[in-house]
């Protein structure tokens, strides 16, 4: 399960962000095809995201990014470093 919301301005990873919270992408860690794919899906530094829902077992995570809904696996979400904007 996900812990408490990060404080606004705190750096965390997307997989730790609770449902209903908003954040900005700080960086994509990792390298190679996975990093490139995340960037292609719109998860670029500075982009606003909102966590919409999680599957019953916590994976995948659905986020709103650039006006569309994106579902990503927990292992991919761990590669997205975020800056918390508004905790739930």
PDB file of N, CA and C in Angstrom:
ATOM      1  N   UNK A   1       0.831  -1.185   0.000  1.00  0.00           N
ATOM      2  CA  UNK A   1       0.000   0.000   0.000  1.00  0.00           C
ATOM      3  C   UNK A   1       0.867   1.236   0.000  1.00  0.00           C
ATOM      4  N   UNK A   2       0.322   2.348  -0.400  1.00  0.00           N
ATOM      5  CA  UNK A   2       1.048   3.602  -0.498  1.00  0.00           C
ATOM      6  C   UNK A   2       1.000   4.311   0.846  1.00  0.00           C
ATOM      7  N   UNK A   3       2.109   4.933   1.221  1.00  0.00           N
ATOM      8  CA  UNK A   3       2.204   5.665   2.480  1.00  0.00           C
ATOM      9  C   UNK A   3       1.521   7.015   2.386  1.00  0.00           C
ATOM     10  N   UNK A   4       1.783   7.894   3.352  1.00  0.00           N
ATOM     11  CA  UNK A   4       1.175   9.217   3.357  1.00  0.00           C
ATOM     12  C   UNK A   4       1.657  10.056   2.182  1.00  0.00           C
ATOM     13  N   UNK A   5       0.878  11.077   1.849  1.00  0.00           N
ATOM     14  CA  UNK A   5       1.220  11.970   0.740  1.00  0.00           C
ATOM     15  C   UNK A   5       2.513  12.702   1.026  1.00  0.00           C
ATOM     16  N   UNK A   6       3.353  12.847  -0.003  1.00  0.00           N
ATOM     17  CA  UNK A   6       4.537  13.666   0.190  1.00  0.00           C
ATOM     18  C   UNK A   6       4.133  15.127   0.378  1.00  0.00           C
ATOM     19  N   UNK A   7       4.918  15.884   1.132  1.00  0.00           N
ATOM     20  CA  UNK A   7       4.652  17.308   1.324  1.00  0.00           C
ATOM     21  C   UNK A   7       4.824  18.026  -0.006  1.00  0.00           C
ATOM     22  N   UNK A   8       4.075  19.119  -0.235  1.00  0.00           N
ATOM     23  CA  UNK A   8       4.264  19.881  -1.466  1.00  0.00           C
ATOM     24  C   UNK A   8       5.726  20.297  -1.610  1.00  0.00           C
ATOM     25  N   UNK A   9       6.265  20.100  -2.800  1.00  0.00           N
ATOM     26  CA  UNK A   9       7.655  20.429  -3.066  1.00  0.00           C
ATOM     27  C   UNK A   9       8.618  19.290  -2.812  1.00  0.00           C
ATOM     28  N   UNK A  10       8.167  18.214  -2.170  1.00  0.00           N
ATOM     29  CA  UNK A  10       9.033  17.067  -1.873  1.00  0.00           C
ATOM     30  C   UNK A  10       9.245  16.244  -3.141  1.00  0.00           C
ATOM     31  N   UNK A  11      10.418  15.653  -3.240  1.00  0.00           N
ATOM     32  CA  UNK A  11      10.735  14.792  -4.380  1.00  0.00           C
ATOM     33  C   UNK A  11      10.475  13.336  -3.975  1.00  0.00           C
ATOM     34  N   UNK A  12       9.751  12.629  -4.812  1.00  0.00           N
ATOM     35  CA  UNK A  12       9.425  11.220  -4.562  1.00  0.00           C
ATOM     36  C   UNK A  12       9.364  10.524  -5.920  1.00  0.00           C
ATOM     37  N   UNK A  13       8.859   9.304  -5.942  1.00  0.00           N
ATOM     38  CA  UNK A  13       8.642   8.617  -7.210  1.00  0.00           C
ATOM     39  C   UNK A  13       7.146   8.438  -7.422  1.00  0.00           C
ATOM     40  N   UNK A  14       6.753   8.306  -8.661  1.00  0.00           N
ATOM     41  CA  UNK A  14       5.335   8.232  -9.010  1.00  0.00           C
ATOM     42  C   UNK A  14       4.633   7.053  -8.347  1.00  0.00           C
ATOM     43  N   UNK A  15       5.310   5.942  -8.152  1.00  0.00           N
ATOM     44  CA  UNK A  15       4.671   4.782  -7.537  1.00  0.00           C
ATOM     45  C   UNK A  15       4.274   5.038  -6.085  1.00  0.00           C
ATOM     46  N   UNK A  16       4.827   6.056  -5.427  1.00  0.00           N
ATOM     47  CA  UNK A  16       4.511   6.384  -4.037  1.00  0.00           C
ATOM     48  C   UNK A  16       3.423   7.450  -3.914  1.00  0.00           C
ATOM     49  N   UNK A  17       2.987   8.003  -5.028  1.00  0.00           N
ATOM     50  CA  UNK A  17       2.013   9.091  -5.038  1.00  0.00           C
ATOM     51  C   UNK A  17       0.601   8.525  -4.845  1.00  0.00           C
ATOM     52  N   UNK A  18      -0.149   9.014  -3.867  1.00  0.00           N
ATOM     53  CA  UNK A  18      -1.491   8.472  -3.624  1.00  0.00           C
ATOM     54  C   UNK A  18      -2.523   8.950  -4.648  1.00  0.00           C
ATOM     55  N   UNK A  19      -3.610   8.226  -4.756  1.00  0.00           N
ATOM     56  CA  UNK A  19      -4.712   8.574  -5.652  1.00  0.00           C
ATOM     57  C   UNK A  19      -5.250   9.948  -5.268  1.00  0.00           C
ATOM     58  N   UNK A  20      -5.497  10.772  -6.269  1.00  0.00           N
ATOM     59  CA  UNK A  20      -6.045  12.102  -6.054  1.00  0.00           C
ATOM     60  C   UNK A  20      -5.004  13.192  -5.929  1.00  0.00           C
ATOM     61  N   UNK A  21      -3.742  12.832  -5.906  1.00  0.00           N
ATOM     62  CA  UNK A  21      -2.703  13.850  -5.748  1.00  0.00           C
ATOM     63  C   UNK A  21      -2.202  14.328  -7.099  1.00  0.00           C
ATOM     64  N   UNK A  22      -1.644  15.523  -7.101  1.00  0.00           N
ATOM     65  CA  UNK A  22      -1.079  16.121  -8.303  1.00  0.00           C
ATOM     66  C   UNK A  22       0.405  16.339  -8.100  1.00  0.00           C
ATOM     67  N   UNK A  23       1.147  16.294  -9.186  1.00  0.00           N
ATOM     68  CA  UNK A  23       2.594  16.460  -9.101  1.00  0.00           C
ATOM     69  C   UNK A  23       3.124  16.936 -10.442  1.00  0.00           C
ATOM     70  N   UNK A  24       4.398  17.276 -10.456  1.00  0.00           N
ATOM     71  CA  UNK A  24       5.115  17.600 -11.690  1.00  0.00           C
ATOM     72  C   UNK A  24       6.251  16.603 -11.834  1.00  0.00           C
ATOM     73  N   UNK A  25       6.491  16.184 -13.058  1.00  0.00           N
ATOM     74  CA  UNK A  25       7.597  15.272 -13.320  1.00  0.00           C
ATOM     75  C   UNK A  25       8.897  16.041 -13.089  1.00  0.00           C
ATOM     76  N   UNK A  26       9.758  15.484 -12.268  1.00  0.00           N
ATOM     77  CA  UNK A  26      11.052  16.099 -11.975  1.00  0.00           C
ATOM     78  C   UNK A  26      12.112  15.535 -12.917  1.00  0.00           C
ATOM     79  N   UNK A  27      12.121  14.213 -13.088  1.00  0.00           N
ATOM     80  CA  UNK A  27      13.095  13.561 -13.962  1.00  0.00           C
ATOM     81  C   UNK A  27      12.645  12.137 -14.238  1.00  0.00           C
ATOM     82  N   UNK A  28      13.201  11.561 -15.290  1.00  0.00           N
ATOM     83  CA  UNK A  28      13.022  10.137 -15.572  1.00  0.00           C
ATOM     84  C   UNK A  28      14.379   9.496 -15.336  1.00  0.00           C
ATOM     85  N   UNK A  29      14.443   8.608 -14.358  1.00  0.00           N
ATOM     86  CA  UNK A  29      15.704   7.920 -14.083  1.00  0.00           C
ATOM     87  C   UNK A  29      15.738   6.634 -14.898  1.00  0.00           C
ATOM     88  N   UNK A  30      16.886   6.046 -15.004  1.00  0.00           N
ATOM     89  CA  UNK A  30      17.011   4.854 -15.827  1.00  0.00           C
ATOM     90  C   UNK A  30      17.548   5.241 -17.184  1.00  0.00           C
ATOM     91  N   UNK A  31      17.682   4.244 -18.030  1.00  0.00           N
ATOM     92  CA  UNK A  31      18.244   4.490 -19.344  1.00  0.00           C
ATOM     93  C   UNK A  31      17.694   3.499 -20.346  1.00  0.00           C
ATOM     94  N   UNK A  32      18.017   3.739 -21.589  1.00  0.00           N
ATOM     95  CA  UNK A  32      17.631   2.811 -22.636  1.00  0.00           C
ATOM     96  C   UNK A  32      16.194   2.941 -23.072  1.00  0.00           C
ATOM     97  N   UNK A  33      15.638   1.835 -23.590  1.00  0.00           N
ATOM     98  CA  UNK A  33      14.302   1.865 -24.193  1.00  0.00           C
ATOM     99  C   UNK A  33      13.185   2.215 -23.214  1.00  0.00           C
ATOM    100  N   UNK A  34      13.308   1.821 -21.953  1.00  0.00           N
ATOM    101  CA  UNK A  34      12.238   2.136 -20.994  1.00  0.00           C
ATOM    102  C   UNK A  34      12.156   3.640 -20.772  1.00  0.00           C
ATOM    103  N   UNK A  35      13.303   4.280 -20.573  1.00  0.00           N
ATOM    104  CA  UNK A  35      13.336   5.732 -20.374  1.00  0.00           C
ATOM    105  C   UNK A  35      12.776   6.440 -21.606  1.00  0.00           C
ATOM    106  N   UNK A  36      13.212   6.034 -22.776  1.00  0.00           N
ATOM    107  CA  UNK A  36      12.742   6.642 -24.019  1.00  0.00           C
ATOM    108  C   UNK A  36      11.230   6.487 -24.158  1.00  0.00           C
ATOM    109  N   UNK A  37      10.717   5.315 -23.830  1.00  0.00           N
ATOM    110  CA  UNK A  37       9.279   5.057 -23.948  1.00  0.00           C
ATOM    111  C   UNK A  37       8.478   5.951 -22.998  1.00  0.00           C
ATOM    112  N   UNK A  38       8.949   6.111 -21.765  1.00  0.00           N
ATOM    113  CA  UNK A  38       8.259   6.989 -20.811  1.00  0.00           C
ATOM    114  C   UNK A  38       8.233   8.431 -21.320  1.00  0.00           C
ATOM    115  N   UNK A  39       9.339   8.883 -21.884  1.00  0.00           N
ATOM    116  CA  UNK A  39       9.388  10.231 -22.451  1.00  0.00           C
ATOM    117  C   UNK A  39       8.437  10.353 -23.640  1.00  0.00           C
ATOM    118  N   UNK A  40       8.372   9.331 -24.485  1.00  0.00           N
ATOM    119  CA  UNK A  40       7.463   9.337 -25.631  1.00  0.00           C
ATOM    120  C   UNK A  40       6.001   9.384 -25.196  1.00  0.00           C
ATOM    121  N   UNK A  41       5.695   8.791 -24.043  1.00  0.00           N
ATOM    122  CA  UNK A  41       4.318   8.783 -23.541  1.00  0.00           C
ATOM    123  C   UNK A  41       3.944  10.111 -22.894  1.00  0.00           C
ATOM    124  N   UNK A  42       4.876  11.070 -22.858  1.00  0.00           N
ATOM    125  CA  UNK A  42       4.560  12.403 -22.357  1.00  0.00           C
ATOM    126  C   UNK A  42       5.054  12.697 -20.959  1.00  0.00           C
ATOM    127  N   UNK A  43       5.759  11.778 -20.337  1.00  0.00           N
ATOM    128  CA  UNK A  43       6.250  11.998 -18.980  1.00  0.00           C
ATOM    129  C   UNK A  43       7.608  12.703 -19.023  1.00  0.00           C
ATOM    130  N   UNK A  44       7.584  13.953 -19.463  1.00  0.00           N
ATOM    131  CA  UNK A  44       8.791  14.768 -19.600  1.00  0.00           C
ATOM    132  C   UNK A  44       8.932  15.675 -18.380  1.00  0.00           C
ATOM    133  N   UNK A  45      10.144  16.052 -18.020  1.00  0.00           N
ATOM    134  CA  UNK A  45      10.344  16.962 -16.883  1.00  0.00           C
ATOM    135  C   UNK A  45       9.518  18.235 -17.022  1.00  0.00           C
ATOM    136  N   UNK A  46       8.856  18.614 -15.913  1.00  0.00           N
ATOM    137  CA  UNK A  46       8.025  19.814 -15.873  1.00  0.00           C
ATOM    138  C   UNK A  46       6.561  19.593 -16.168  1.00  0.00           C
ATOM    139  N   UNK A  47       6.191  18.427 -16.664  1.00  0.00           N
ATOM    140  CA  UNK A  47       4.800  18.139 -17.032  1.00  0.00           C
ATOM    141  C   UNK A  47       3.980  17.823 -15.777  1.00  0.00           C
ATOM    142  N   UNK A  48       2.778  18.404 -15.709  1.00  0.00           N
ATOM    143  CA  UNK A  48       1.871  18.153 -14.589  1.00  0.00           C
ATOM    144  C   UNK A  48       1.176  16.803 -14.778  1.00  0.00           C
ATOM    145  N   UNK A  49       1.051  16.052 -13.681  1.00  0.00           N
ATOM    146  CA  UNK A  49       0.343  14.771 -13.700  1.00  0.00           C
ATOM    147  C   UNK A  49      -0.579  14.692 -12.498  1.00  0.00           C
ATOM    148  N   UNK A  50      -1.612  13.873 -12.621  1.00  0.00           N
ATOM    149  CA  UNK A  50      -2.546  13.624 -11.526  1.00  0.00           C
ATOM    150  C   UNK A  50      -2.788  12.123 -11.457  1.00  0.00           C
ATOM    151  N   UNK A  51      -2.694  11.566 -10.254  1.00  0.00           N
ATOM    152  CA  UNK A  51      -2.950  10.139 -10.078  1.00  0.00           C
ATOM    153  C   UNK A  51      -4.461   9.951  -9.990  1.00  0.00           C
ATOM    154  N   UNK A  52      -5.016   9.192 -10.921  1.00  0.00           N
ATOM    155  CA  UNK A  52      -6.465   8.998 -11.018  1.00  0.00           C
ATOM    156  C   UNK A  52      -6.929   7.782 -10.219  1.00  0.00           C
ATOM    157  N   UNK A  53      -6.293   6.639 -10.435  1.00  0.00           N
ATOM    158  CA  UNK A  53      -6.693   5.420  -9.716  1.00  0.00           C
ATOM    159  C   UNK A  53      -5.597   4.372  -9.806  1.00  0.00           C
ATOM    160  N   UNK A  54      -5.759   3.359  -8.989  1.00  0.00           N
ATOM    161  CA  UNK A  54      -4.868   2.198  -8.987  1.00  0.00           C
ATOM    162  C   UNK A  54      -5.727   0.952  -9.138  1.00  0.00           C
ATOM    163  N   UNK A  55      -5.151  -0.059  -9.731  1.00  0.00           N
ATOM    164  CA  UNK A  55      -5.838  -1.344  -9.829  1.00  0.00           C
ATOM    165  C   UNK A  55      -5.987  -1.915  -8.413  1.00  0.00           C
ATOM    166  N   UNK A  56      -6.901  -2.847  -8.204  1.00  0.00           N
ATOM    167  CA  UNK A  56      -7.137  -3.394  -6.861  1.00  0.00           C
ATOM    168  C   UNK A  56      -5.876  -3.893  -6.143  1.00  0.00           C
ATOM    169  N   UNK A  57      -4.918  -4.422  -6.865  1.00  0.00           N
ATOM    170  CA  UNK A  57      -3.690  -4.894  -6.220  1.00  0.00           C
ATOM    171  C   UNK A  57      -2.570  -3.858  -6.319  1.00  0.00           C
ATOM    172  N   UNK A  58      -2.908  -2.633  -6.756  1.00  0.00           N
ATOM    173  CA  UNK A  58      -1.945  -1.545  -6.786  1.00  0.00           C
ATOM    174  C   UNK A  58      -1.176  -1.379  -8.087  1.00  0.00           C
ATOM    175  N   UNK A  59      -1.355  -2.266  -9.030  1.00  0.00           N
ATOM    176  CA  UNK A  59      -0.595  -2.199 -10.267  1.00  0.00           C
ATOM    177  C   UNK A  59      -1.491  -2.624 -11.420  1.00  0.00           C
ATOM    178  N   UNK A  60      -1.716  -1.856 -12.449  1.00  0.00           N
ATOM    179  CA  UNK A  60      -1.055  -0.615 -12.823  1.00  0.00           C
ATOM    180  C   UNK A  60      -1.662   0.618 -12.146  1.00  0.00           C
ATOM    181  N   UNK A  61      -1.031   1.756 -12.437  1.00  0.00           N
ATOM    182  CA  UNK A  61      -1.450   3.062 -11.925  1.00  0.00           C
ATOM    183  C   UNK A  61      -1.946   3.874 -13.116  1.00  0.00           C
ATOM    184  N   UNK A  62      -3.095   4.522 -12.964  1.00  0.00           N
ATOM    185  CA  UNK A  62      -3.616   5.371 -14.030  1.00  0.00           C
ATOM    186  C   UNK A  62      -3.383   6.827 -13.663  1.00  0.00           C
ATOM    187  N   UNK A  63      -2.758   7.580 -14.567  1.00  0.00           N
ATOM    188  CA  UNK A  63      -2.482   9.000 -14.333  1.00  0.00           C
ATOM    189  C   UNK A  63      -3.015   9.821 -15.500  1.00  0.00           C
ATOM    190  N   UNK A  64      -3.344  11.075 -15.206  1.00  0.00           N
ATOM    191  CA  UNK A  64      -3.727  12.013 -16.264  1.00  0.00           C
ATOM    192  C   UNK A  64      -2.488  12.847 -16.562  1.00  0.00           C
ATOM    193  N   UNK A  65      -2.077  12.824 -17.810  1.00  0.00           N
ATOM    194  CA  UNK A  65      -0.901  13.572 -18.247  1.00  0.00           C
ATOM    195  C   UNK A  65      -1.181  14.165 -19.621  1.00  0.00           C
ATOM    196  N   UNK A  66      -0.941  15.459 -19.783  1.00  0.00           N
ATOM    197  CA  UNK A  66      -1.137  16.143 -21.074  1.00  0.00           C
ATOM    198  C   UNK A  66      -2.531  15.929 -21.656  1.00  0.00           C
ATOM    199  N   UNK A  67      -3.546  15.838 -20.803  1.00  0.00           N
ATOM    200  CA  UNK A  67      -4.920  15.727 -21.270  1.00  0.00           C
ATOM    201  C   UNK A  67      -5.403  14.335 -21.606  1.00  0.00           C
ATOM    202  N   UNK A  68      -4.606  13.307 -21.376  1.00  0.00           N
ATOM    203  CA  UNK A  68      -5.082  11.950 -21.615  1.00  0.00           C
ATOM    204  C   UNK A  68      -4.762  11.066 -20.420  1.00  0.00           C
ATOM    205  N   UNK A  69      -5.409   9.902 -20.372  1.00  0.00           N
ATOM    206  CA  UNK A  69      -5.194   8.956 -19.280  1.00  0.00           C
ATOM    207  C   UNK A  69      -4.155   7.927 -19.710  1.00  0.00           C
ATOM    208  N   UNK A  70      -3.199   7.685 -18.833  1.00  0.00           N
ATOM    209  CA  UNK A  70      -2.103   6.771 -19.111  1.00  0.00           C
ATOM    210  C   UNK A  70      -2.012   5.768 -17.973  1.00  0.00           C
ATOM    211  N   UNK A  71      -1.950   4.498 -18.298  1.00  0.00           N
ATOM    212  CA  UNK A  71      -1.750   3.447 -17.292  1.00  0.00           C
ATOM    213  C   UNK A  71      -0.339   2.915 -17.432  1.00  0.00           C
ATOM    214  N   UNK A  72       0.380   2.912 -16.308  1.00  0.00           N
ATOM    215  CA  UNK A  72       1.743   2.377 -16.326  1.00  0.00           C
ATOM    216  C   UNK A  72       1.943   1.420 -15.161  1.00  0.00           C
ATOM    217  N   UNK A  73       2.826   0.490 -15.332  1.00  0.00           N
ATOM    218  CA  UNK A  73       3.152  -0.496 -14.303  1.00  0.00           C
ATOM    219  C   UNK A  73       3.934   0.153 -13.169  1.00  0.00           C
ATOM    220  N   UNK A  74       3.877  -0.453 -12.006  1.00  0.00           N
ATOM    221  CA  UNK A  74       4.598   0.049 -10.844  1.00  0.00           C
ATOM    222  C   UNK A  74       6.092   0.142 -11.071  1.00  0.00           C
ATOM    223  N   UNK A  75       6.661  -0.845 -11.765  1.00  0.00           N
ATOM    224  CA  UNK A  75       8.108  -0.819 -12.026  1.00  0.00           C
ATOM    225  C   UNK A  75       8.489   0.353 -12.924  1.00  0.00           C
ATOM    226  N   UNK A  76       7.598   0.757 -13.829  1.00  0.00           N
ATOM    227  CA  UNK A  76       7.849   1.938 -14.661  1.00  0.00           C
ATOM    228  C   UNK A  76       7.645   3.216 -13.852  1.00  0.00           C
ATOM    229  N   UNK A  77       6.616   3.225 -12.984  1.00  0.00           N
ATOM    230  CA  UNK A  77       6.331   4.403 -12.162  1.00  0.00           C
ATOM    231  C   UNK A  77       7.485   4.703 -11.205  1.00  0.00           C
ATOM    232  N   UNK A  78       8.230   3.684 -10.794  1.00  0.00           N
ATOM    233  CA  UNK A  78       9.387   3.896  -9.917  1.00  0.00           C
ATOM    234  C   UNK A  78      10.507   4.668 -10.615  1.00  0.00           C
ATOM    235  N   UNK A  79      10.484   4.723 -11.926  1.00  0.00           N
ATOM    236  CA  UNK A  79      11.495   5.439 -12.691  1.00  0.00           C
ATOM    237  C   UNK A  79      11.145   6.916 -12.886  1.00  0.00           C
ATOM    238  N   UNK A  80       9.921   7.305 -12.497  1.00  0.00           N
ATOM    239  CA  UNK A  80       9.470   8.685 -12.685  1.00  0.00           C
ATOM    240  C   UNK A  80       9.610   9.427 -11.362  1.00  0.00           C
ATOM    241  N   UNK A  81      10.583  10.312 -11.304  1.00  0.00           N
ATOM    242  CA  UNK A  81      10.810  11.153 -10.132  1.00  0.00           C
ATOM    243  C   UNK A  81       9.871  12.337 -10.232  1.00  0.00           C
ATOM    244  N   UNK A  82       9.098  12.609  -9.167  1.00  0.00           N
ATOM    245  CA  UNK A  82       8.097  13.675  -9.204  1.00  0.00           C
ATOM    246  C   UNK A  82       8.313  14.654  -8.059  1.00  0.00           C
ATOM    247  N   UNK A  83       7.801  15.857  -8.269  1.00  0.00           N
ATOM    248  CA  UNK A  83       7.762  16.880  -7.231  1.00  0.00           C
ATOM    249  C   UNK A  83       6.308  17.082  -6.879  1.00  0.00           C
ATOM    250  N   UNK A  84       5.948  16.813  -5.636  1.00  0.00           N
ATOM    251  CA  UNK A  84       4.556  16.900  -5.207  1.00  0.00           C
ATOM    252  C   UNK A  84       4.056  18.342  -5.280  1.00  0.00           C
ATOM    253  N   UNK A  85       2.836  18.519  -5.823  1.00  0.00           N
ATOM    254  CA  UNK A  85       2.232  19.836  -5.938  1.00  0.00           C
ATOM    255  C   UNK A  85       1.088  19.963  -4.946  1.00  0.00           C
ATOM    256  N   UNK A  86       0.176  18.994  -4.937  1.00  0.00           N
ATOM    257  CA  UNK A  86      -1.011  19.060  -4.073  1.00  0.00           C
ATOM    258  C   UNK A  86      -1.318  17.663  -3.525  1.00  0.00           C
ATOM    259  N   UNK A  87      -1.081  17.454  -2.231  1.00  0.00           N
ATOM    260  CA  UNK A  87      -1.454  16.151  -1.669  1.00  0.00           C
ATOM    261  C   UNK A  87      -2.960  16.003  -1.620  1.00  0.00           C
ATOM    262  N   UNK A  88      -3.410  14.747  -1.551  1.00  0.00           N
ATOM    263  CA  UNK A  88      -4.864  14.529  -1.514  1.00  0.00           C
ATOM    264  C   UNK A  88      -5.419  14.863  -0.143  1.00  0.00           C
TER     265      UNK A  88
END
